[in-house]
Amino acid sequence: MKLTSKGRYAVTAMLDLAIRCDSGPVSLSEISERQDISLSYLEQLFARLRKANLVRSVRGPGGGYALARKAKEISVGSVIHAVNETVDATRCKGQADCQGGERCLTHTLWQDLSDRVNDFLNGISLQDLISTEQVKDVSSRQSDRAKTTDINILLQV
């Protein structure tokens, strides 16, 4: 079972957006800088997230992205699913044709594991994550680092 960088980056970017969207739309370049994710990659991810109605774009000066629903209504599982990721421990992608076209000896074990992982991810909302002390601490550190970078850029001018 492997969650690729696509799923990880999508969840990270959505969490960043959820933390900051109360202040208005958040630009992808800001998320890119804070989370060290390529801007072009974020653009691809957000096109999928928008298609899944998890985010909405805001045009014009001060534009960017905002959550399409409240953070408590968006599960981590829905974010992963929106970018066409799956968390599947089976070899056969759940088709039960793992051994020469038939179910293997351990198919049910791996299918049950996949189901539990998906239930777990679907049971965690962005709001649940925002509320944790660890996420608050990391978010604060990232904001402080971004402010320091902005000040250094201004001083160089």
N, C-alpha and C. Protein backbone atom coordinates (compact mmCIF):
# COMPACT_ATOMS: atom_id res chain seq x y z
N MET A 1 0.85 -1.16 0.00
CA MET A 1 0.00 0.00 0.00
C MET A 1 0.90 1.23 0.00
N LYS A 2 0.63 2.13 -0.92
CA LYS A 2 1.47 3.31 -1.04
C LYS A 2 0.61 4.50 -1.41
N LEU A 3 0.77 5.56 -0.66
CA LEU A 3 0.14 6.82 -1.02
C LEU A 3 1.22 7.63 -1.71
N THR A 4 1.00 7.99 -2.96
CA THR A 4 2.02 8.70 -3.72
C THR A 4 2.08 10.17 -3.32
N SER A 5 3.09 10.85 -3.87
CA SER A 5 3.25 12.27 -3.55
C SER A 5 2.03 13.07 -3.99
N LYS A 6 1.33 12.62 -5.02
CA LYS A 6 0.13 13.35 -5.47
C LYS A 6 -0.88 13.46 -4.34
N GLY A 7 -1.18 12.35 -3.68
CA GLY A 7 -2.13 12.36 -2.58
C GLY A 7 -1.61 13.13 -1.38
N ARG A 8 -0.35 12.93 -1.06
CA ARG A 8 0.26 13.64 0.08
C ARG A 8 0.26 15.15 -0.15
N TYR A 9 0.67 15.57 -1.34
CA TYR A 9 0.71 17.00 -1.65
C TYR A 9 -0.69 17.60 -1.65
N ALA A 10 -1.65 16.87 -2.17
CA ALA A 10 -3.03 17.38 -2.20
C ALA A 10 -3.54 17.62 -0.78
N VAL A 11 -3.31 16.67 0.11
CA VAL A 11 -3.76 16.83 1.49
C VAL A 11 -3.02 17.99 2.16
N THR A 12 -1.72 18.07 1.95
CA THR A 12 -0.93 19.15 2.54
C THR A 12 -1.41 20.52 2.05
N ALA A 13 -1.63 20.64 0.76
CA ALA A 13 -2.08 21.92 0.19
C ALA A 13 -3.48 22.29 0.68
N MET A 14 -4.35 21.30 0.76
CA MET A 14 -5.71 21.57 1.25
C MET A 14 -5.69 21.97 2.72
N LEU A 15 -4.83 21.36 3.50
CA LEU A 15 -4.72 21.72 4.91
C LEU A 15 -4.19 23.15 5.04
N ASP A 16 -3.19 23.49 4.25
CA ASP A 16 -2.65 24.85 4.24
C ASP A 16 -3.76 25.84 3.89
N LEU A 17 -4.52 25.53 2.87
CA LEU A 17 -5.63 26.39 2.45
C LEU A 17 -6.67 26.52 3.57
N ALA A 18 -7.02 25.41 4.18
CA ALA A 18 -8.03 25.42 5.25
C ALA A 18 -7.58 26.27 6.44
N ILE A 19 -6.31 26.23 6.75
CA ILE A 19 -5.78 27.00 7.88
C ILE A 19 -5.89 28.49 7.61
N ARG A 20 -5.68 28.90 6.36
CA ARG A 20 -5.55 30.32 6.04
C ARG A 20 -6.73 30.94 5.32
N CYS A 21 -7.72 30.18 4.93
CA CYS A 21 -8.77 30.72 4.06
C CYS A 21 -9.74 31.67 4.78
N ASP A 22 -9.73 31.70 6.11
CA ASP A 22 -10.60 32.65 6.81
C ASP A 22 -10.19 34.09 6.53
N SER A 23 -8.95 34.28 6.11
CA SER A 23 -8.44 35.62 5.81
C SER A 23 -8.69 36.01 4.37
N GLY A 24 -9.37 35.15 3.60
CA GLY A 24 -9.64 35.43 2.20
C GLY A 24 -8.97 34.40 1.32
N PRO A 25 -9.09 34.56 0.02
CA PRO A 25 -8.50 33.59 -0.91
C PRO A 25 -6.99 33.46 -0.71
N VAL A 26 -6.50 32.27 -0.95
CA VAL A 26 -5.07 31.97 -0.77
C VAL A 26 -4.50 31.64 -2.14
N SER A 27 -3.39 32.26 -2.49
CA SER A 27 -2.79 32.01 -3.80
C SER A 27 -1.99 30.71 -3.77
N LEU A 28 -1.94 30.06 -4.91
CA LEU A 28 -1.16 28.83 -5.01
C LEU A 28 0.33 29.11 -4.82
N SER A 29 0.77 30.30 -5.20
CA SER A 29 2.19 30.62 -5.01
C SER A 29 2.54 30.69 -3.52
N GLU A 30 1.61 31.16 -2.70
CA GLU A 30 1.85 31.18 -1.25
C GLU A 30 1.94 29.75 -0.70
N ILE A 31 1.01 28.91 -1.14
CA ILE A 31 1.03 27.51 -0.69
C ILE A 31 2.32 26.85 -1.17
N SER A 32 2.69 27.12 -2.41
CA SER A 32 3.90 26.55 -2.99
C SER A 32 5.13 26.91 -2.15
N GLU A 33 5.21 28.16 -1.77
CA GLU A 33 6.36 28.63 -0.99
C GLU A 33 6.37 28.00 0.41
N ARG A 34 5.24 28.01 1.07
CA ARG A 34 5.19 27.48 2.44
C ARG A 34 5.43 25.97 2.49
N GLN A 35 4.86 25.26 1.51
CA GLN A 35 4.90 23.79 1.58
C GLN A 35 5.97 23.17 0.68
N ASP A 36 6.70 24.00 -0.03
CA ASP A 36 7.77 23.52 -0.92
C ASP A 36 7.24 22.51 -1.94
N ILE A 37 6.14 22.90 -2.58
CA ILE A 37 5.52 22.09 -3.63
C ILE A 37 5.55 22.93 -4.91
N SER A 38 5.93 22.33 -6.00
CA SER A 38 6.00 23.02 -7.28
C SER A 38 4.67 23.70 -7.61
N LEU A 39 4.76 24.95 -8.06
CA LEU A 39 3.55 25.70 -8.42
C LEU A 39 2.80 25.01 -9.55
N SER A 40 3.50 24.53 -10.56
CA SER A 40 2.82 23.87 -11.68
C SER A 40 2.13 22.59 -11.23
N TYR A 41 2.73 21.89 -10.27
CA TYR A 41 2.10 20.68 -9.74
C TYR A 41 0.84 21.04 -8.95
N LEU A 42 0.92 22.11 -8.16
CA LEU A 42 -0.26 22.58 -7.42
C LEU A 42 -1.39 22.97 -8.37
N GLU A 43 -1.06 23.60 -9.47
CA GLU A 43 -2.08 23.98 -10.44
C GLU A 43 -2.82 22.75 -10.97
N GLN A 44 -2.08 21.68 -11.24
CA GLN A 44 -2.70 20.43 -11.70
C GLN A 44 -3.60 19.85 -10.61
N LEU A 45 -3.10 19.81 -9.38
CA LEU A 45 -3.88 19.26 -8.27
C LEU A 45 -5.15 20.08 -8.03
N PHE A 46 -5.02 21.40 -8.06
CA PHE A 46 -6.18 22.24 -7.76
C PHE A 46 -7.22 22.20 -8.88
N ALA A 47 -6.81 21.91 -10.09
CA ALA A 47 -7.79 21.70 -11.16
C ALA A 47 -8.67 20.49 -10.81
N ARG A 48 -8.07 19.45 -10.29
CA ARG A 48 -8.83 18.25 -9.89
C ARG A 48 -9.67 18.52 -8.64
N LEU A 49 -9.11 19.25 -7.70
CA LEU A 49 -9.84 19.57 -6.47
C LEU A 49 -11.04 20.47 -6.78
N ARG A 50 -10.87 21.37 -7.73
CA ARG A 50 -11.99 22.24 -8.14
C ARG A 50 -13.07 21.42 -8.83
N LYS A 51 -12.66 20.49 -9.68
CA LYS A 51 -13.61 19.63 -10.38
C LYS A 51 -14.41 18.77 -9.40
N ALA A 52 -13.79 18.41 -8.27
CA ALA A 52 -14.46 17.62 -7.24
C ALA A 52 -15.25 18.50 -6.26
N ASN A 53 -15.32 19.80 -6.53
CA ASN A 53 -16.04 20.76 -5.70
C ASN A 53 -15.52 20.83 -4.26
N LEU A 54 -14.21 20.70 -4.12
CA LEU A 54 -13.60 20.86 -2.80
C LEU A 54 -13.04 22.27 -2.62
N VAL A 55 -12.68 22.91 -3.73
CA VAL A 55 -12.20 24.29 -3.69
C VAL A 55 -12.92 25.09 -4.76
N ARG A 56 -12.86 26.40 -4.59
CA ARG A 56 -13.38 27.30 -5.63
C ARG A 56 -12.32 28.36 -5.87
N SER A 57 -12.24 28.80 -7.11
CA SER A 57 -11.26 29.83 -7.44
C SER A 57 -11.90 31.20 -7.35
N VAL A 58 -11.08 32.17 -6.96
CA VAL A 58 -11.52 33.55 -6.84
C VAL A 58 -10.62 34.37 -7.75
N ARG A 59 -11.21 35.02 -8.74
CA ARG A 59 -10.44 35.79 -9.72
C ARG A 59 -10.22 37.22 -9.26
N GLY A 60 -9.26 37.85 -9.92
CA GLY A 60 -9.02 39.27 -9.69
C GLY A 60 -7.92 39.52 -8.68
N PRO A 61 -7.66 40.82 -8.42
CA PRO A 61 -6.63 41.18 -7.45
C PRO A 61 -6.97 40.57 -6.09
N GLY A 62 -5.98 39.98 -5.47
CA GLY A 62 -6.22 39.33 -4.18
C GLY A 62 -6.92 38.00 -4.33
N GLY A 63 -6.98 37.49 -5.55
CA GLY A 63 -7.65 36.22 -5.80
C GLY A 63 -6.81 35.04 -5.38
N GLY A 64 -7.36 33.90 -5.60
CA GLY A 64 -6.69 32.67 -5.22
C GLY A 64 -7.72 31.57 -5.10
N TYR A 65 -7.56 30.76 -4.09
CA TYR A 65 -8.49 29.65 -3.85
C TYR A 65 -9.06 29.73 -2.45
N ALA A 66 -10.28 29.20 -2.34
CA ALA A 66 -10.95 29.07 -1.04
C ALA A 66 -11.60 27.70 -1.01
N LEU A 67 -11.88 27.23 0.18
CA LEU A 67 -12.60 25.96 0.31
C LEU A 67 -14.01 26.14 -0.23
N ALA A 68 -14.51 25.12 -0.89
CA ALA A 68 -15.88 25.17 -1.42
C ALA A 68 -16.90 24.80 -0.35
N ARG A 69 -16.43 24.17 0.71
CA ARG A 69 -17.28 23.80 1.85
C ARG A 69 -16.50 24.09 3.13
N LYS A 70 -17.14 23.96 4.24
CA LYS A 70 -16.46 24.15 5.52
C LYS A 70 -15.43 23.04 5.71
N ALA A 71 -14.36 23.37 6.43
CA ALA A 71 -13.27 22.41 6.65
C ALA A 71 -13.77 21.14 7.36
N LYS A 72 -14.79 21.28 8.19
CA LYS A 72 -15.30 20.10 8.89
C LYS A 72 -16.09 19.17 7.96
N GLU A 73 -16.42 19.65 6.77
CA GLU A 73 -17.18 18.85 5.80
C GLU A 73 -16.30 18.21 4.73
N ILE A 74 -14.99 18.44 4.79
CA ILE A 74 -14.06 17.89 3.80
C ILE A 74 -13.16 16.87 4.49
N SER A 75 -13.28 15.63 4.08
CA SER A 75 -12.46 14.57 4.68
C SER A 75 -11.15 14.43 3.93
N VAL A 76 -10.15 13.92 4.62
CA VAL A 76 -8.86 13.63 4.00
C VAL A 76 -9.07 12.62 2.87
N GLY A 77 -9.94 11.64 3.09
CA GLY A 77 -10.24 10.65 2.06
C GLY A 77 -10.80 11.27 0.80
N SER A 78 -11.65 12.28 0.94
CA SER A 78 -12.23 12.92 -0.25
C SER A 78 -11.18 13.69 -1.03
N VAL A 79 -10.21 14.25 -0.34
CA VAL A 79 -9.12 14.97 -1.01
C VAL A 79 -8.27 13.97 -1.82
N ILE A 80 -7.93 12.87 -1.18
CA ILE A 80 -7.13 11.84 -1.85
C ILE A 80 -7.87 11.29 -3.06
N HIS A 81 -9.13 11.03 -2.89
CA HIS A 81 -9.95 10.51 -3.99
C HIS A 81 -10.07 11.53 -5.14
N ALA A 82 -10.16 12.80 -4.81
CA ALA A 82 -10.33 13.85 -5.82
C ALA A 82 -9.15 13.92 -6.79
N VAL A 83 -7.97 13.56 -6.32
CA VAL A 83 -6.79 13.61 -7.20
C VAL A 83 -6.49 12.23 -7.79
N ASN A 84 -7.51 11.38 -7.79
CA ASN A 84 -7.44 10.05 -8.40
C ASN A 84 -6.44 9.12 -7.74
N GLU A 85 -6.30 9.26 -6.44
CA GLU A 85 -5.46 8.36 -5.67
C GLU A 85 -6.33 7.32 -5.00
N THR A 86 -5.77 6.16 -4.77
CA THR A 86 -6.45 5.15 -3.97
C THR A 86 -5.48 4.61 -2.94
N VAL A 87 -6.01 4.19 -1.84
CA VAL A 87 -5.21 3.53 -0.81
C VAL A 87 -5.69 2.09 -0.80
N ASP A 88 -4.94 1.23 -1.47
CA ASP A 88 -5.36 -0.15 -1.69
C ASP A 88 -4.20 -1.09 -1.38
N ALA A 89 -4.41 -1.99 -0.45
CA ALA A 89 -3.36 -2.92 -0.06
C ALA A 89 -3.37 -4.21 -0.88
N THR A 90 -4.38 -4.39 -1.72
CA THR A 90 -4.44 -5.61 -2.52
C THR A 90 -3.55 -5.49 -3.74
N ARG A 91 -3.10 -6.63 -4.24
CA ARG A 91 -2.31 -6.66 -5.47
C ARG A 91 -3.19 -6.45 -6.70
N CYS A 92 -4.46 -6.78 -6.55
CA CYS A 92 -5.38 -6.86 -7.69
C CYS A 92 -6.28 -5.65 -7.82
N LYS A 93 -6.01 -4.59 -7.03
CA LYS A 93 -6.85 -3.39 -7.03
C LYS A 93 -8.30 -3.71 -6.67
N GLY A 94 -8.46 -4.68 -5.77
CA GLY A 94 -9.79 -5.04 -5.26
C GLY A 94 -10.62 -5.91 -6.18
N GLN A 95 -10.05 -6.37 -7.26
CA GLN A 95 -10.81 -7.15 -8.25
C GLN A 95 -10.92 -8.63 -7.90
N ALA A 96 -10.18 -9.09 -6.92
CA ALA A 96 -10.19 -10.50 -6.48
C ALA A 96 -9.77 -11.45 -7.59
N ASP A 97 -8.86 -10.98 -8.44
CA ASP A 97 -8.30 -11.84 -9.48
C ASP A 97 -6.78 -11.91 -9.32
N CYS A 98 -6.35 -11.93 -8.06
CA CYS A 98 -4.95 -11.78 -7.71
C CYS A 98 -4.06 -12.98 -8.04
N GLN A 99 -4.62 -14.13 -8.18
CA GLN A 99 -3.80 -15.32 -8.41
C GLN A 99 -4.34 -16.07 -9.64
N GLY A 100 -3.76 -15.75 -10.78
CA GLY A 100 -4.19 -16.41 -12.00
C GLY A 100 -5.66 -16.17 -12.33
N GLY A 101 -6.15 -14.97 -12.03
CA GLY A 101 -7.54 -14.65 -12.33
C GLY A 101 -8.52 -15.01 -11.23
N GLU A 102 -8.03 -15.57 -10.14
CA GLU A 102 -8.89 -15.95 -9.02
C GLU A 102 -8.39 -15.31 -7.74
N ARG A 103 -9.23 -15.34 -6.74
CA ARG A 103 -8.91 -14.76 -5.43
C ARG A 103 -7.72 -15.51 -4.81
N CYS A 104 -6.76 -14.73 -4.28
CA CYS A 104 -5.62 -15.35 -3.60
C CYS A 104 -5.98 -15.67 -2.15
N LEU A 105 -5.11 -16.36 -1.50
CA LEU A 105 -5.33 -16.83 -0.13
C LEU A 105 -5.54 -15.68 0.86
N THR A 106 -4.84 -14.56 0.65
CA THR A 106 -4.89 -13.45 1.61
C THR A 106 -5.68 -12.25 1.11
N HIS A 107 -6.44 -12.42 0.05
CA HIS A 107 -7.17 -11.28 -0.53
C HIS A 107 -8.06 -10.60 0.51
N THR A 108 -8.81 -11.35 1.26
CA THR A 108 -9.74 -10.76 2.24
C THR A 108 -8.99 -9.96 3.29
N LEU A 109 -7.85 -10.45 3.72
CA LEU A 109 -7.04 -9.72 4.69
C LEU A 109 -6.67 -8.34 4.15
N TRP A 110 -6.12 -8.31 2.92
CA TRP A 110 -5.66 -7.04 2.35
C TRP A 110 -6.84 -6.13 1.99
N GLN A 111 -7.94 -6.71 1.59
CA GLN A 111 -9.14 -5.91 1.29
C GLN A 111 -9.68 -5.28 2.57
N ASP A 112 -9.71 -6.05 3.65
CA ASP A 112 -10.16 -5.51 4.94
C ASP A 112 -9.25 -4.37 5.41
N LEU A 113 -7.94 -4.54 5.23
CA LEU A 113 -7.00 -3.49 5.61
C LEU A 113 -7.28 -2.22 4.78
N SER A 114 -7.46 -2.38 3.49
CA SER A 114 -7.76 -1.23 2.62
C SER A 114 -9.03 -0.53 3.08
N ASP A 115 -10.05 -1.31 3.39
CA ASP A 115 -11.31 -0.73 3.85
C ASP A 115 -11.13 0.06 5.14
N ARG A 116 -10.34 -0.48 6.07
CA ARG A 116 -10.12 0.23 7.34
C ARG A 116 -9.33 1.52 7.15
N VAL A 117 -8.32 1.47 6.29
CA VAL A 117 -7.54 2.67 6.03
C VAL A 117 -8.43 3.73 5.39
N ASN A 118 -9.24 3.33 4.41
CA ASN A 118 -10.15 4.28 3.77
C ASN A 118 -11.18 4.83 4.75
N ASP A 119 -11.72 3.98 5.61
CA ASP A 119 -12.65 4.46 6.64
C ASP A 119 -11.98 5.47 7.56
N PHE A 120 -10.73 5.19 7.94
CA PHE A 120 -9.96 6.08 8.79
C PHE A 120 -9.79 7.45 8.12
N LEU A 121 -9.34 7.46 6.86
CA LEU A 121 -9.11 8.71 6.15
C LEU A 121 -10.41 9.47 5.89
N ASN A 122 -11.48 8.75 5.64
CA ASN A 122 -12.78 9.39 5.43
C ASN A 122 -13.36 9.93 6.74
N GLY A 123 -12.87 9.44 7.86
CA GLY A 123 -13.35 9.88 9.17
C GLY A 123 -12.60 11.07 9.74
N ILE A 124 -11.58 11.54 9.03
CA ILE A 124 -10.79 12.69 9.50
C ILE A 124 -11.07 13.87 8.59
N SER A 125 -11.54 14.96 9.16
CA SER A 125 -11.81 16.16 8.37
C SER A 125 -10.61 17.11 8.44
N LEU A 126 -10.58 18.05 7.52
CA LEU A 126 -9.54 19.08 7.59
C LEU A 126 -9.62 19.83 8.91
N GLN A 127 -10.84 20.05 9.40
CA GLN A 127 -11.02 20.74 10.68
C GLN A 127 -10.40 19.94 11.82
N ASP A 128 -10.56 18.62 11.78
CA ASP A 128 -9.94 17.78 12.82
C ASP A 128 -8.43 18.01 12.86
N LEU A 129 -7.81 18.09 11.69
CA LEU A 129 -6.37 18.29 11.62
C LEU A 129 -5.97 19.69 12.08
N ILE A 130 -6.73 20.70 11.65
CA ILE A 130 -6.44 22.08 12.04
C ILE A 130 -6.45 22.23 13.56
N SER A 131 -7.27 21.47 14.23
CA SER A 131 -7.45 21.58 15.67
C SER A 131 -6.32 20.95 16.48
N THR A 132 -5.43 20.21 15.85
CA THR A 132 -4.36 19.56 16.61
C THR A 132 -3.23 20.55 16.91
N GLU A 133 -2.61 20.39 18.06
CA GLU A 133 -1.50 21.27 18.46
C GLU A 133 -0.34 21.16 17.49
N GLN A 134 -0.04 19.97 17.01
CA GLN A 134 1.08 19.78 16.09
C GLN A 134 0.89 20.61 14.82
N VAL A 135 -0.30 20.56 14.24
CA VAL A 135 -0.57 21.33 13.03
C VAL A 135 -0.51 22.82 13.33
N LYS A 136 -1.03 23.24 14.46
CA LYS A 136 -0.97 24.66 14.83
C LYS A 136 0.48 25.12 14.94
N ASP A 137 1.32 24.31 15.58
CA ASP A 137 2.74 24.66 15.75
C ASP A 137 3.46 24.77 14.40
N VAL A 138 3.25 23.80 13.54
CA VAL A 138 3.92 23.81 12.23
C VAL A 138 3.43 25.00 11.41
N SER A 139 2.13 25.25 11.42
CA SER A 139 1.56 26.36 10.67
C SER A 139 2.15 27.70 11.14
N SER A 140 2.28 27.85 12.44
CA SER A 140 2.85 29.07 13.00
C SER A 140 4.30 29.24 12.55
N ARG A 141 5.07 28.17 12.61
CA ARG A 141 6.47 28.22 12.18
C ARG A 141 6.57 28.60 10.71
N GLN A 142 5.70 28.01 9.87
CA GLN A 142 5.73 28.31 8.44
C GLN A 142 5.35 29.76 8.18
N SER A 143 4.39 30.28 8.92
CA SER A 143 4.00 31.69 8.75
C SER A 143 5.12 32.61 9.16
N ASP A 144 5.79 32.29 10.27
CA ASP A 144 6.91 33.10 10.73
C ASP A 144 8.04 33.09 9.70
N ARG A 145 8.33 31.94 9.11
CA ARG A 145 9.39 31.83 8.12
C ARG A 145 9.03 32.65 6.87
N ALA A 146 7.77 32.61 6.46
CA ALA A 146 7.33 33.38 5.30
C ALA A 146 7.45 34.88 5.56
N LYS A 147 7.10 35.32 6.78
CA LYS A 147 7.22 36.74 7.12
C LYS A 147 8.68 37.18 7.10
N THR A 148 9.57 36.34 7.61
CA THR A 148 11.00 36.65 7.61
C THR A 148 11.51 36.76 6.18
N THR A 149 11.09 35.87 5.32
CA THR A 149 11.48 35.92 3.92
C THR A 149 10.99 37.20 3.27
N ASP A 150 9.74 37.59 3.55
CA ASP A 150 9.18 38.83 2.99
C ASP A 150 9.98 40.05 3.45
N ILE A 151 10.34 40.08 4.73
CA ILE A 151 11.12 41.20 5.27
C ILE A 151 12.48 41.25 4.61
N ASN A 152 13.14 40.11 4.45
CA ASN A 152 14.45 40.08 3.81
C ASN A 152 14.38 40.56 2.38
N ILE A 153 13.32 40.22 1.67
CA ILE A 153 13.15 40.69 0.29
C ILE A 153 12.97 42.21 0.26
N LEU A 154 12.19 42.74 1.18
CA LEU A 154 11.98 44.19 1.25
C LEU A 154 13.28 44.94 1.58
N LEU A 155 14.08 44.36 2.46
CA LEU A 155 15.33 45.00 2.86
C LEU A 155 16.36 45.02 1.73
N GLN A 156 16.24 44.08 0.81
CA GLN A 156 17.19 44.02 -0.30
C GLN A 156 16.89 45.08 -1.36
N VAL A 157 15.69 45.60 -1.33
CA VAL A 157 15.29 46.59 -2.35
C VAL A 157 15.87 47.92 -2.12
